[in-house]
Amino acid sequence: MRTCRSGGILIALALAGWLLTAAVASAYTVYVTNEKDNTVTVIDSAKLEVVKTVKVGQRPRGITLSKDHRWLLICASDDNTVQVYDARTMDFVKSLPSGQDPELFILHPDGNPLYIANEEDNLVTVVDIEKDAVLAEIPVGVEPEGMGISPDGKLLVATSETTNMAHFIDTATNTTIDHVLVDSRPRFAEFTADGTQVWVSSEIGGTLTVIETSTRKIVAKIAFKIPGVPQDAIQPVGVRITRDAKRAFVALGPANRVAVIDTATFQVEKYLLVGQRVWQLALTPDEKFLFTTNGASNDVTVIDVQRLRAVRSIKVGRYPWGVVVARF
């Protein structure tokens, strides 16, 4: 009897230890830019709680991490600069040069350089983040915003909101090699992990365009229909595709939904109800959770990716815009 009880205790302790280890292993740090508050909210992904709020530059929007996750980079749009912070301490490190009104950016897969969409300059600015130097300025369409880069770093895509195009740029020469017309007001570009496709969201057009990167031909155009939601409220913005390329998640703006898409069939599997005016998305490194920024309800929705279910709402600052997840 004692042995049995002792064994039960040992099993319980072992299970508790395993659960603790699993929790620690999946603990990440989530950063959210709050456009109206000029702050960044820091969230513990294990506790799903806000741990810190930090003042940053004016109108922070795009946000990303350096390849080693040492630095947090933020588009301070109204300051016309990119600010760099220590990702662990949130101490200010430096500012990087940029053109007018940086909104979104993306790092080369090697970790340098940084490609910045400058909305008012109609340029993509290429910046060496170590030397703090502008390497090139690439003219694109009117009001560039969405920025995607192929996994091999050879092809950059910038979307222009007013020109309604996806511009394909050769990163070796920093020259535009093609333009693909998409629906009205393209906002985001996301490559699949194998680099064969780039998915472009069109906010006013209400669609998602899938482009084959080798030919620059449109292979699919995905539309959305949600019972009880006016069609003009369905405004695709942020897009994230899982590493296995089986599912894509699309933020649908004032429809207050995230669409789940089967990438093999280009069919919508499900619509997930989230906060108001869902804007951008970020998957945790293990892809167990998806975080959404909800600009009108001033919160972040946490989605369990396996169960395809919203599991938590976390209050942040005013008009949360961008979101990124660190490995620690």
Protein backbone atom coordinates (compact mmCIF):
# COMPACT_ATOMS: atom_id res chain seq x y z
CA MET A 1 0.00 0.00 0.00
CA ARG A 2 2.81 2.38 0.91
CA THR A 3 4.69 1.43 -2.22
CA CYS A 4 1.62 2.06 -4.35
CA ARG A 5 1.02 5.44 -2.74
CA SER A 6 4.68 6.37 -3.03
CA GLY A 7 4.64 5.35 -6.69
CA GLY A 8 1.55 7.48 -7.27
CA ILE A 9 3.24 10.48 -5.69
CA LEU A 10 6.33 9.94 -7.81
CA ILE A 11 4.22 9.69 -10.96
CA ALA A 12 2.32 12.84 -10.01
CA LEU A 13 5.58 14.69 -9.34
CA ALA A 14 7.05 13.48 -12.63
CA LEU A 15 3.94 14.61 -14.49
CA ALA A 16 4.03 17.99 -12.76
CA GLY A 17 7.69 18.34 -13.69
CA TRP A 18 6.95 17.45 -17.30
CA LEU A 19 4.14 19.99 -17.45
CA LEU A 20 6.42 22.65 -15.94
CA THR A 21 9.15 21.84 -18.46
CA ALA A 22 6.65 22.00 -21.32
CA ALA A 23 5.35 25.34 -20.08
CA VAL A 24 8.86 26.78 -19.84
CA ALA A 25 9.78 25.44 -23.27
CA SER A 26 6.81 27.16 -24.87
CA ALA A 27 7.20 30.48 -23.05
CA TYR A 28 7.80 33.36 -25.45
CA THR A 29 7.72 37.14 -25.33
CA VAL A 30 5.12 38.97 -27.41
CA TYR A 31 5.53 42.62 -28.42
CA VAL A 32 2.62 44.80 -29.57
CA THR A 33 2.85 48.34 -30.98
CA ASN A 34 0.09 50.69 -29.82
CA GLU A 35 -0.34 53.31 -32.54
CA LYS A 36 -2.25 55.94 -30.53
CA ASP A 37 -0.40 55.57 -27.22
CA ASN A 38 3.14 55.61 -28.68
CA THR A 39 3.92 52.51 -26.63
CA VAL A 40 4.87 48.87 -26.93
CA THR A 41 3.09 46.31 -24.75
CA VAL A 42 5.13 43.27 -23.69
CA ILE A 43 3.21 40.03 -23.03
CA ASP A 44 4.34 36.77 -21.42
CA SER A 45 2.96 34.02 -23.70
CA ALA A 46 2.97 31.38 -20.94
CA LYS A 47 0.96 33.44 -18.46
CA LEU A 48 -0.87 35.34 -21.22
CA GLU A 49 -0.42 38.51 -19.19
CA VAL A 50 1.02 41.96 -19.82
CA VAL A 51 4.38 42.29 -18.08
CA LYS A 52 5.49 45.71 -19.27
CA THR A 53 4.46 48.78 -21.27
CA VAL A 54 7.22 50.95 -22.74
CA LYS A 55 7.12 54.42 -24.31
CA VAL A 56 8.55 54.52 -27.83
CA GLY A 57 8.49 56.90 -30.80
CA GLN A 58 5.48 58.50 -32.41
CA ARG A 59 2.86 56.33 -34.12
CA PRO A 60 4.58 52.95 -33.84
CA ARG A 61 3.31 50.45 -36.40
CA GLY A 62 5.57 47.85 -38.04
CA ILE A 63 7.61 45.74 -35.63
CA THR A 64 10.15 42.95 -36.07
CA LEU A 65 13.11 41.26 -34.39
CA SER A 66 16.72 40.94 -35.46
CA LYS A 67 17.69 37.46 -36.60
CA ASP A 68 19.32 36.68 -33.22
CA HIS A 69 16.31 38.24 -31.38
CA ARG A 70 18.71 40.63 -29.63
CA TRP A 71 17.09 43.75 -31.03
CA LEU A 72 13.48 44.83 -31.39
CA LEU A 73 12.94 47.12 -34.39
CA ILE A 74 9.97 49.50 -34.56
CA CYS A 75 8.66 51.77 -37.33
CA ALA A 76 8.16 55.13 -35.58
CA SER A 77 6.09 56.41 -38.50
CA ASP A 78 5.57 60.03 -37.43
CA ASP A 79 9.25 60.35 -36.47
CA ASN A 80 10.30 59.08 -39.92
CA THR A 81 12.72 56.64 -38.36
CA VAL A 82 13.17 53.05 -37.26
CA GLN A 83 13.91 52.69 -33.56
CA VAL A 84 15.98 49.85 -32.14
CA TYR A 85 15.51 48.50 -28.58
CA ASP A 86 17.17 45.78 -26.57
CA ALA A 87 14.55 43.02 -26.82
CA ARG A 88 15.13 41.74 -23.28
CA THR A 89 15.43 45.00 -21.35
CA MET A 90 13.51 47.33 -23.72
CA ASP A 91 16.31 49.88 -23.33
CA PHE A 92 16.68 52.18 -26.33
CA VAL A 93 19.71 51.29 -28.48
CA LYS A 94 19.66 53.60 -31.51
CA SER A 95 17.70 54.94 -34.48
CA LEU A 96 18.10 53.76 -38.05
CA PRO A 97 17.67 56.05 -41.07
CA SER A 98 14.46 55.82 -43.06
CA GLY A 99 12.43 57.73 -45.59
CA GLN A 100 9.13 59.46 -44.89
CA ASP A 101 6.47 57.57 -42.93
CA PRO A 102 7.89 54.05 -42.52
CA GLU A 103 4.98 51.67 -42.01
CA LEU A 104 6.10 48.08 -42.55
CA PHE A 105 9.53 46.52 -43.08
CA ILE A 106 11.21 43.16 -43.39
CA LEU A 107 14.69 41.84 -42.71
CA HIS A 108 16.71 39.82 -45.17
CA PRO A 109 16.77 36.16 -44.01
CA ASP A 110 20.51 36.58 -43.33
CA GLY A 111 19.61 39.27 -40.77
CA ASN A 112 20.79 42.27 -42.79
CA PRO A 113 19.81 44.50 -44.57
CA LEU A 114 16.39 45.86 -43.61
CA TYR A 115 13.86 46.77 -46.32
CA ILE A 116 11.49 49.59 -45.30
CA ALA A 117 8.26 50.67 -47.01
CA ASN A 118 8.14 54.48 -46.86
CA GLU A 119 4.55 55.40 -47.54
CA GLU A 120 4.92 59.08 -48.38
CA ASP A 121 8.14 58.74 -50.41
CA ASN A 122 6.88 55.91 -52.65
CA LEU A 123 10.19 54.21 -51.95
CA VAL A 124 11.61 51.08 -50.41
CA THR A 125 14.63 52.11 -48.36
CA VAL A 126 17.38 49.50 -47.91
CA VAL A 127 19.30 49.95 -44.64
CA ASP A 128 22.36 48.24 -43.17
CA ILE A 129 21.26 47.77 -39.55
CA GLU A 130 24.80 47.30 -38.23
CA LYS A 131 26.37 50.32 -39.98
CA ASP A 132 23.21 52.47 -39.73
CA ALA A 133 23.56 53.36 -43.40
CA VAL A 134 21.17 53.63 -46.33
CA LEU A 135 22.33 51.23 -49.06
CA ALA A 136 19.69 51.97 -51.70
CA GLU A 137 16.33 53.57 -52.41
CA ILE A 138 14.02 51.64 -54.73
CA PRO A 139 11.11 53.50 -56.40
CA VAL A 140 7.81 51.61 -56.26
CA GLY A 141 4.13 52.49 -56.57
CA VAL A 142 2.12 55.03 -54.59
CA GLU A 143 1.87 54.41 -50.83
CA PRO A 144 3.94 51.25 -50.38
CA GLU A 145 3.14 49.19 -47.30
CA GLY A 146 3.25 45.40 -47.49
CA MET A 147 6.74 43.86 -47.46
CA GLY A 148 7.55 40.20 -48.05
CA ILE A 149 10.82 38.44 -48.82
CA SER A 150 11.49 34.96 -50.18
CA PRO A 151 13.13 32.43 -47.83
CA ASP A 152 16.34 32.52 -49.90
CA GLY A 153 16.39 36.32 -49.72
CA LYS A 154 16.60 36.77 -53.49
CA LEU A 155 13.16 38.23 -54.11
CA LEU A 156 11.43 41.09 -52.32
CA VAL A 157 7.77 42.03 -52.77
CA ALA A 158 6.44 45.48 -51.91
CA THR A 159 2.73 46.30 -52.25
CA SER A 160 1.52 49.78 -53.15
CA GLU A 161 -1.86 50.73 -51.72
CA THR A 162 -2.85 53.31 -54.33
CA THR A 163 -1.23 51.75 -57.41
CA ASN A 164 -2.80 48.38 -56.45
CA MET A 165 0.29 46.40 -57.35
CA ALA A 166 2.73 43.87 -55.97
CA HIS A 167 6.21 44.97 -57.05
CA PHE A 168 8.82 42.21 -57.41
CA ILE A 169 12.37 43.35 -56.59
CA ASP A 170 15.68 41.58 -57.20
CA THR A 171 17.61 42.01 -53.93
CA ALA A 172 20.98 41.42 -55.62
CA THR A 173 20.57 44.55 -57.76
CA ASN A 174 17.85 46.39 -55.80
CA THR A 175 15.87 46.80 -59.01
CA THR A 176 12.21 46.11 -59.77
CA ILE A 177 11.81 43.21 -62.19
CA ASP A 178 8.03 42.86 -62.38
CA HIS A 179 4.67 44.29 -61.31
CA VAL A 180 1.49 42.32 -60.67
CA LEU A 181 -1.87 44.07 -60.56
CA VAL A 182 -4.01 42.98 -57.59
CA ASP A 183 -7.27 44.20 -56.09
CA SER A 184 -7.74 47.55 -54.39
CA ARG A 185 -5.47 48.64 -51.53
CA PRO A 186 -3.00 45.76 -51.06
CA ARG A 187 -1.71 45.77 -47.49
CA PHE A 188 0.44 42.70 -46.82
CA ALA A 189 2.67 40.17 -48.61
CA GLU A 190 3.59 36.76 -47.20
CA PHE A 191 5.74 34.10 -48.86
CA THR A 192 5.21 30.39 -48.33
CA ALA A 193 8.11 28.62 -46.59
CA ASP A 194 9.25 27.02 -49.85
CA GLY A 195 9.19 30.37 -51.64
CA THR A 196 6.98 29.17 -54.50
CA GLN A 197 4.08 31.52 -53.73
CA VAL A 198 3.45 34.95 -52.27
CA TRP A 199 0.05 35.80 -50.80
CA VAL A 200 -1.10 39.43 -51.07
CA SER A 201 -4.09 40.83 -49.15
CA SER A 202 -6.26 43.58 -50.66
CA GLU A 203 -8.10 45.52 -47.98
CA ILE A 204 -10.71 47.39 -50.04
CA GLY A 205 -10.91 44.72 -52.73
CA GLY A 206 -11.77 42.22 -50.01
CA THR A 207 -9.64 39.48 -51.54
CA LEU A 208 -6.40 37.56 -51.21
CA THR A 209 -4.28 37.07 -54.34
CA VAL A 210 -1.93 34.08 -54.57
CA ILE A 211 0.97 34.66 -56.98
CA GLU A 212 3.43 32.07 -58.29
CA THR A 213 6.84 33.60 -57.70
CA SER A 214 8.69 31.98 -60.62
CA THR A 215 6.24 33.18 -63.28
CA ARG A 216 4.55 36.04 -61.40
CA LYS A 217 1.22 34.58 -62.54
CA ILE A 218 -1.88 34.71 -60.35
CA VAL A 219 -2.81 31.14 -59.39
CA ALA A 220 -5.76 31.90 -57.12
CA LYS A 221 -7.91 34.72 -55.86
CA ILE A 222 -9.66 34.06 -52.58
CA ALA A 223 -12.84 35.92 -51.60
CA PHE A 224 -14.58 35.87 -48.22
CA LYS A 225 -18.23 35.67 -47.22
CA ILE A 226 -19.38 35.75 -43.60
CA PRO A 227 -23.10 35.35 -42.76
CA GLY A 228 -24.44 38.51 -41.13
CA VAL A 229 -21.36 40.61 -41.95
CA PRO A 230 -21.62 43.28 -44.68
CA GLN A 231 -19.28 42.59 -47.59
CA ASP A 232 -17.61 46.01 -47.32
CA ALA A 233 -16.65 45.22 -43.71
CA ILE A 234 -14.53 42.25 -44.84
CA GLN A 235 -11.13 43.88 -45.30
CA PRO A 236 -8.13 41.49 -45.45
CA VAL A 237 -4.92 42.86 -43.94
CA GLY A 238 -2.37 40.71 -42.08
CA VAL A 239 -1.50 37.22 -43.38
CA ARG A 240 0.45 34.38 -41.77
CA ILE A 241 1.17 30.95 -43.29
CA THR A 242 2.30 27.95 -41.24
CA ARG A 243 5.76 26.52 -41.95
CA ASP A 244 4.27 23.34 -43.40
CA ALA A 245 2.24 25.58 -45.76
CA LYS A 246 -0.97 23.74 -44.91
CA ARG A 247 -2.86 26.68 -43.45
CA ALA A 248 -3.01 30.42 -43.90
CA PHE A 249 -4.51 32.86 -41.40
CA VAL A 250 -5.90 36.17 -42.65
CA ALA A 251 -6.97 39.14 -40.52
CA LEU A 252 -10.25 40.54 -41.88
CA GLY A 253 -10.30 44.01 -40.30
CA PRO A 254 -13.74 45.33 -39.25
CA ALA A 255 -15.30 41.92 -39.91
CA ASN A 256 -13.71 41.03 -36.53
CA ARG A 257 -12.71 37.62 -37.86
CA VAL A 258 -9.59 35.68 -38.77
CA ALA A 259 -10.09 33.44 -41.80
CA VAL A 260 -8.46 30.01 -41.76
CA ILE A 261 -7.58 28.86 -45.29
CA ASP A 262 -6.60 25.43 -46.60
CA THR A 263 -3.62 26.33 -48.80
CA ALA A 264 -4.01 23.22 -50.98
CA THR A 265 -7.57 24.04 -52.05
CA PHE A 266 -7.59 27.82 -51.36
CA GLN A 267 -10.88 27.28 -49.51
CA VAL A 268 -11.82 28.96 -46.22
CA GLU A 269 -12.07 26.30 -43.50
CA LYS A 270 -13.35 28.50 -40.74
CA TYR A 271 -13.84 32.05 -39.50
CA LEU A 272 -12.61 32.77 -35.97
CA LEU A 273 -14.29 35.56 -34.02
CA VAL A 274 -11.71 37.91 -32.44
CA GLY A 275 -11.62 41.53 -31.26
CA GLN A 276 -12.73 44.58 -33.21
CA ARG A 277 -10.87 45.57 -36.40
CA VAL A 278 -8.28 42.83 -36.38
CA TRP A 279 -5.14 44.13 -38.01
CA GLN A 280 -1.92 42.07 -37.81
CA LEU A 281 -0.99 38.53 -36.78
CA ALA A 282 1.97 36.65 -35.31
CA LEU A 283 2.51 32.94 -34.70
CA THR A 284 4.60 31.73 -31.79
CA PRO A 285 7.82 29.94 -32.88
CA ASP A 286 6.24 26.54 -32.09
CA GLU A 287 3.10 27.64 -34.00
CA LYS A 288 0.84 26.61 -31.13
CA PHE A 289 -0.65 30.08 -30.71
CA LEU A 290 -1.57 32.97 -32.98
CA PHE A 291 -1.74 36.51 -31.60
CA THR A 292 -3.96 39.10 -33.30
CA THR A 293 -3.95 42.88 -32.81
CA ASN A 294 -7.45 44.34 -32.60
CA GLY A 295 -7.24 48.09 -33.22
CA ALA A 296 -10.75 49.21 -32.28
CA SER A 297 -11.16 47.11 -29.11
CA ASN A 298 -7.63 47.81 -27.84
CA ASP A 299 -6.83 44.19 -27.18
CA VAL A 300 -5.00 41.12 -28.43
CA THR A 301 -6.78 37.84 -29.12
CA VAL A 302 -4.90 34.58 -28.48
CA ILE A 303 -5.87 31.72 -30.80
CA ASP A 304 -5.11 28.07 -30.11
CA VAL A 305 -3.88 26.96 -33.55
CA GLN A 306 -4.52 23.23 -33.11
CA ARG A 307 -8.07 23.69 -31.87
CA LEU A 308 -8.74 26.75 -34.06
CA ARG A 309 -10.30 28.53 -31.14
CA ALA A 310 -9.84 31.93 -29.50
CA VAL A 311 -8.80 31.24 -25.91
CA ARG A 312 -7.94 34.62 -24.40
CA SER A 313 -8.33 38.37 -24.87
CA ILE A 314 -5.57 40.57 -23.43
CA LYS A 315 -6.02 44.33 -22.99
CA VAL A 316 -3.16 46.41 -24.36
CA GLY A 317 -2.79 50.08 -25.37
CA ARG A 318 -4.83 52.19 -27.76
CA TYR A 319 -5.00 51.03 -31.39
CA PRO A 320 -2.71 48.00 -31.25
CA TRP A 321 -1.19 47.62 -34.72
CA GLY A 322 1.87 45.37 -35.12
CA VAL A 323 2.86 42.21 -33.28
CA VAL A 324 5.95 39.99 -33.16
CA VAL A 325 7.03 37.07 -30.94
CA ALA A 326 10.55 36.47 -29.57
CA ARG A 327 11.99 33.03 -28.81
CA PHE A 328 12.43 33.79 -25.10
